[in-house]
Structures are given as C-alpha cells and as structure tokens.
Amino acid sequence: MLIAMAAAVIWLGGYAVLCAVKPFGTCRRCKGTGETARFGKPRACPRCRGDRLRLRLGRRAHNGWRRTHEAGAR
C-alpha cells in the first residue's frame, strides 16, 4: 500500500512538472497532424482547430484554480 501511494505521489509530481514546463500536448484526435478525414476529404481538426496542440488537462485545472484564487483575493 505504501509503495502504491509513493508511486502515485511521484507520478502526480512528475505530471505537475510536465504541465508547468510543457503546458501543450499533441491533439489526441488528429495525433498532431492538424487534419482529420471527413467523408473522404481532409479537414481541419475540430478539437484543436488545426493548431495540432491542446492544453493539457492538468494545466487547464491549474489555470482555473489560479483564476478563481485571483478573483477571490481581490
């Protein structure tokens, strides 16, 4: 049990560092190409809008927490 908790803490710490250093990850829908095939035609990916990158979930949560904290501290 202790090993599992330690592994979880290490994984969360590593993910937090990754979100701080590299907040954008490749889009999972288009796999970073920026295009998806629709009816046989290549089109811009609707999830990333052709930018090829998406904001990571952890960074999105951090930005929301920071925005809420700043709004409450005013």
N, C-alpha and C. Protein backbone atom coordinates (compact mmCIF):
# COMPACT_ATOMS: atom_id res chain seq x y z
N MET A 1 0.83 -1.19 0.00
CA MET A 1 0.00 0.00 0.00
C MET A 1 0.87 1.26 0.00
N LEU A 2 1.92 1.22 0.79
CA LEU A 2 2.82 2.37 0.87
C LEU A 2 3.53 2.60 -0.46
N ILE A 3 3.88 1.52 -1.12
CA ILE A 3 4.56 1.64 -2.40
C ILE A 3 3.63 2.23 -3.45
N ALA A 4 2.37 1.82 -3.43
CA ALA A 4 1.39 2.35 -4.38
C ALA A 4 1.15 3.84 -4.16
N MET A 5 1.06 4.25 -2.90
CA MET A 5 0.87 5.67 -2.60
C MET A 5 2.10 6.48 -3.00
N ALA A 6 3.27 5.94 -2.76
CA ALA A 6 4.50 6.64 -3.16
C ALA A 6 4.59 6.76 -4.68
N ALA A 7 4.20 5.71 -5.38
CA ALA A 7 4.22 5.75 -6.84
C ALA A 7 3.22 6.79 -7.36
N ALA A 8 2.06 6.88 -6.73
CA ALA A 8 1.05 7.86 -7.15
C ALA A 8 1.55 9.29 -6.91
N VAL A 9 2.19 9.51 -5.78
CA VAL A 9 2.72 10.85 -5.47
C VAL A 9 3.83 11.22 -6.46
N ILE A 10 4.69 10.28 -6.78
CA ILE A 10 5.76 10.54 -7.75
C ILE A 10 5.18 10.82 -9.13
N TRP A 11 4.16 10.04 -9.53
CA TRP A 11 3.55 10.25 -10.84
C TRP A 11 2.87 11.62 -10.91
N LEU A 12 2.11 12.00 -9.86
CA LEU A 12 1.44 13.30 -9.85
C LEU A 12 2.46 14.44 -9.85
N GLY A 13 3.54 14.28 -9.12
CA GLY A 13 4.59 15.30 -9.13
C GLY A 13 5.22 15.45 -10.49
N GLY A 14 5.49 14.33 -11.15
CA GLY A 14 6.05 14.37 -12.49
C GLY A 14 5.09 15.02 -13.49
N TYR A 15 3.79 14.72 -13.35
CA TYR A 15 2.80 15.31 -14.26
C TYR A 15 2.68 16.81 -14.00
N ALA A 16 2.76 17.22 -12.74
CA ALA A 16 2.70 18.65 -12.42
C ALA A 16 3.90 19.40 -13.02
N VAL A 17 5.07 18.80 -12.95
CA VAL A 17 6.26 19.41 -13.55
C VAL A 17 6.12 19.47 -15.06
N LEU A 18 5.59 18.39 -15.67
CA LEU A 18 5.37 18.38 -17.11
C LEU A 18 4.40 19.47 -17.54
N CYS A 19 3.31 19.65 -16.78
CA CYS A 19 2.33 20.69 -17.11
C CYS A 19 2.93 22.09 -16.95
N ALA A 20 3.85 22.25 -16.03
CA ALA A 20 4.47 23.56 -15.84
C ALA A 20 5.49 23.85 -16.94
N VAL A 21 6.26 22.84 -17.33
CA VAL A 21 7.31 23.04 -18.32
C VAL A 21 6.76 23.03 -19.75
N LYS A 22 5.87 22.13 -20.02
CA LYS A 22 5.33 21.96 -21.37
C LYS A 22 3.80 21.88 -21.29
N PRO A 23 3.11 23.05 -21.23
CA PRO A 23 1.67 23.03 -20.99
C PRO A 23 0.84 22.51 -22.17
N PHE A 24 1.39 22.45 -23.35
CA PHE A 24 0.65 21.98 -24.50
C PHE A 24 1.12 20.59 -24.92
N GLY A 25 0.16 19.73 -25.24
CA GLY A 25 0.45 18.39 -25.73
C GLY A 25 -0.17 18.21 -27.10
N THR A 26 0.20 17.15 -27.80
CA THR A 26 -0.36 16.92 -29.13
C THR A 26 -1.83 16.56 -29.00
N CYS A 27 -2.60 16.94 -29.99
CA CYS A 27 -4.03 16.64 -30.02
C CYS A 27 -4.20 15.13 -30.18
N ARG A 28 -5.09 14.55 -29.36
CA ARG A 28 -5.30 13.11 -29.42
C ARG A 28 -6.19 12.70 -30.58
N ARG A 29 -7.01 13.59 -31.05
CA ARG A 29 -7.93 13.23 -32.13
C ARG A 29 -7.20 13.13 -33.46
N CYS A 30 -6.37 14.11 -33.79
CA CYS A 30 -5.67 14.10 -35.07
C CYS A 30 -4.23 13.61 -34.93
N LYS A 31 -3.82 13.28 -33.69
CA LYS A 31 -2.46 12.80 -33.39
C LYS A 31 -1.38 13.81 -33.81
N GLY A 32 -1.71 15.09 -33.72
CA GLY A 32 -0.74 16.13 -34.01
C GLY A 32 -0.59 16.51 -35.46
N THR A 33 -1.45 16.01 -36.35
CA THR A 33 -1.34 16.36 -37.77
C THR A 33 -2.12 17.63 -38.10
N GLY A 34 -3.17 17.92 -37.33
CA GLY A 34 -3.97 19.12 -37.58
C GLY A 34 -5.11 18.87 -38.55
N GLU A 35 -5.21 17.66 -39.08
CA GLU A 35 -6.27 17.35 -40.05
C GLU A 35 -6.93 16.02 -39.69
N THR A 36 -8.22 15.93 -39.99
CA THR A 36 -8.94 14.68 -39.88
C THR A 36 -9.70 14.46 -41.18
N ALA A 37 -9.94 13.21 -41.51
CA ALA A 37 -10.68 12.89 -42.73
C ALA A 37 -12.16 12.85 -42.42
N ARG A 38 -12.94 13.57 -43.19
CA ARG A 38 -14.39 13.56 -43.03
C ARG A 38 -15.01 13.39 -44.40
N PHE A 39 -15.74 12.33 -44.57
CA PHE A 39 -16.34 11.98 -45.87
C PHE A 39 -15.28 11.88 -46.96
N GLY A 40 -14.10 11.39 -46.57
CA GLY A 40 -13.02 11.19 -47.53
C GLY A 40 -12.19 12.42 -47.84
N LYS A 41 -12.55 13.55 -47.26
CA LYS A 41 -11.80 14.78 -47.51
C LYS A 41 -11.04 15.20 -46.24
N PRO A 42 -9.81 15.61 -46.39
CA PRO A 42 -9.09 16.11 -45.20
C PRO A 42 -9.60 17.49 -44.81
N ARG A 43 -9.89 17.65 -43.51
CA ARG A 43 -10.37 18.92 -42.99
C ARG A 43 -9.61 19.25 -41.71
N ALA A 44 -9.69 20.49 -41.31
CA ALA A 44 -9.03 20.90 -40.07
C ALA A 44 -9.67 20.16 -38.90
N CYS A 45 -8.87 19.74 -37.97
CA CYS A 45 -9.35 19.00 -36.80
C CYS A 45 -10.27 19.90 -35.98
N PRO A 46 -11.48 19.44 -35.66
CA PRO A 46 -12.39 20.30 -34.89
C PRO A 46 -11.97 20.47 -33.43
N ARG A 47 -11.20 19.55 -32.90
CA ARG A 47 -10.81 19.65 -31.49
C ARG A 47 -9.71 20.69 -31.30
N CYS A 48 -8.68 20.65 -32.14
CA CYS A 48 -7.57 21.60 -31.98
C CYS A 48 -7.64 22.73 -33.00
N ARG A 49 -8.62 22.68 -33.90
CA ARG A 49 -8.82 23.69 -34.95
C ARG A 49 -7.59 23.84 -35.84
N GLY A 50 -6.88 22.74 -36.05
CA GLY A 50 -5.72 22.74 -36.93
C GLY A 50 -4.44 23.24 -36.29
N ASP A 51 -4.46 23.56 -35.00
CA ASP A 51 -3.26 24.05 -34.32
C ASP A 51 -2.31 22.93 -33.93
N ARG A 52 -2.78 21.70 -33.95
CA ARG A 52 -2.01 20.50 -33.62
C ARG A 52 -1.74 20.33 -32.13
N LEU A 53 -2.03 21.32 -31.32
CA LEU A 53 -1.73 21.25 -29.89
C LEU A 53 -2.98 21.55 -29.08
N ARG A 54 -3.06 20.93 -27.89
CA ARG A 54 -4.14 21.17 -26.96
C ARG A 54 -3.55 21.43 -25.58
N LEU A 55 -4.24 22.23 -24.79
CA LEU A 55 -3.80 22.49 -23.43
C LEU A 55 -4.02 21.23 -22.59
N ARG A 56 -3.03 20.83 -21.83
CA ARG A 56 -3.13 19.62 -21.01
C ARG A 56 -4.18 19.79 -19.92
N LEU A 57 -4.77 18.68 -19.51
CA LEU A 57 -5.82 18.69 -18.50
C LEU A 57 -5.32 19.28 -17.19
N GLY A 58 -4.13 18.92 -16.76
CA GLY A 58 -3.58 19.44 -15.52
C GLY A 58 -3.34 20.94 -15.59
N ARG A 59 -2.90 21.42 -16.73
CA ARG A 59 -2.66 22.86 -16.89
C ARG A 59 -3.99 23.62 -16.91
N ARG A 60 -5.00 23.02 -17.54
CA ARG A 60 -6.32 23.64 -17.58
C ARG A 60 -6.88 23.75 -16.16
N ALA A 61 -6.69 22.71 -15.34
CA ALA A 61 -7.14 22.74 -13.95
C ALA A 61 -6.36 23.79 -13.15
N HIS A 62 -5.06 23.88 -13.38
CA HIS A 62 -4.24 24.88 -12.67
C HIS A 62 -4.66 26.29 -13.05
N ASN A 63 -4.91 26.53 -14.33
CA ASN A 63 -5.34 27.87 -14.76
C ASN A 63 -6.68 28.24 -14.13
N GLY A 64 -7.61 27.28 -14.06
CA GLY A 64 -8.91 27.55 -13.44
C GLY A 64 -8.77 27.83 -11.95
N TRP A 65 -7.91 27.06 -11.27
CA TRP A 65 -7.69 27.30 -9.85
C TRP A 65 -7.07 28.67 -9.62
N ARG A 66 -6.08 29.02 -10.44
CA ARG A 66 -5.41 30.32 -10.29
C ARG A 66 -6.38 31.47 -10.55
N ARG A 67 -7.23 31.32 -11.58
CA ARG A 67 -8.22 32.35 -11.91
C ARG A 67 -9.21 32.54 -10.76
N THR A 68 -9.66 31.44 -10.16
CA THR A 68 -10.59 31.51 -9.04
C THR A 68 -9.92 32.13 -7.82
N HIS A 69 -8.68 31.77 -7.56
CA HIS A 69 -7.96 32.33 -6.42
C HIS A 69 -7.75 33.83 -6.58
N GLU A 70 -7.38 34.27 -7.77
CA GLU A 70 -7.16 35.69 -8.01
C GLU A 70 -8.47 36.47 -7.91
N ALA A 71 -9.58 35.89 -8.36
CA ALA A 71 -10.87 36.57 -8.28
C ALA A 71 -11.33 36.70 -6.83
N GLY A 72 -11.02 35.73 -6.01
CA GLY A 72 -11.41 35.77 -4.61
C GLY A 72 -10.49 36.64 -3.77
N ALA A 73 -9.28 36.87 -4.21
CA ALA A 73 -8.30 37.64 -3.44
C ALA A 73 -8.43 39.13 -3.68
N ARG A 74 -9.25 39.54 -4.61
CA ARG A 74 -9.36 40.97 -4.90
C ARG A 74 -10.15 41.71 -3.88
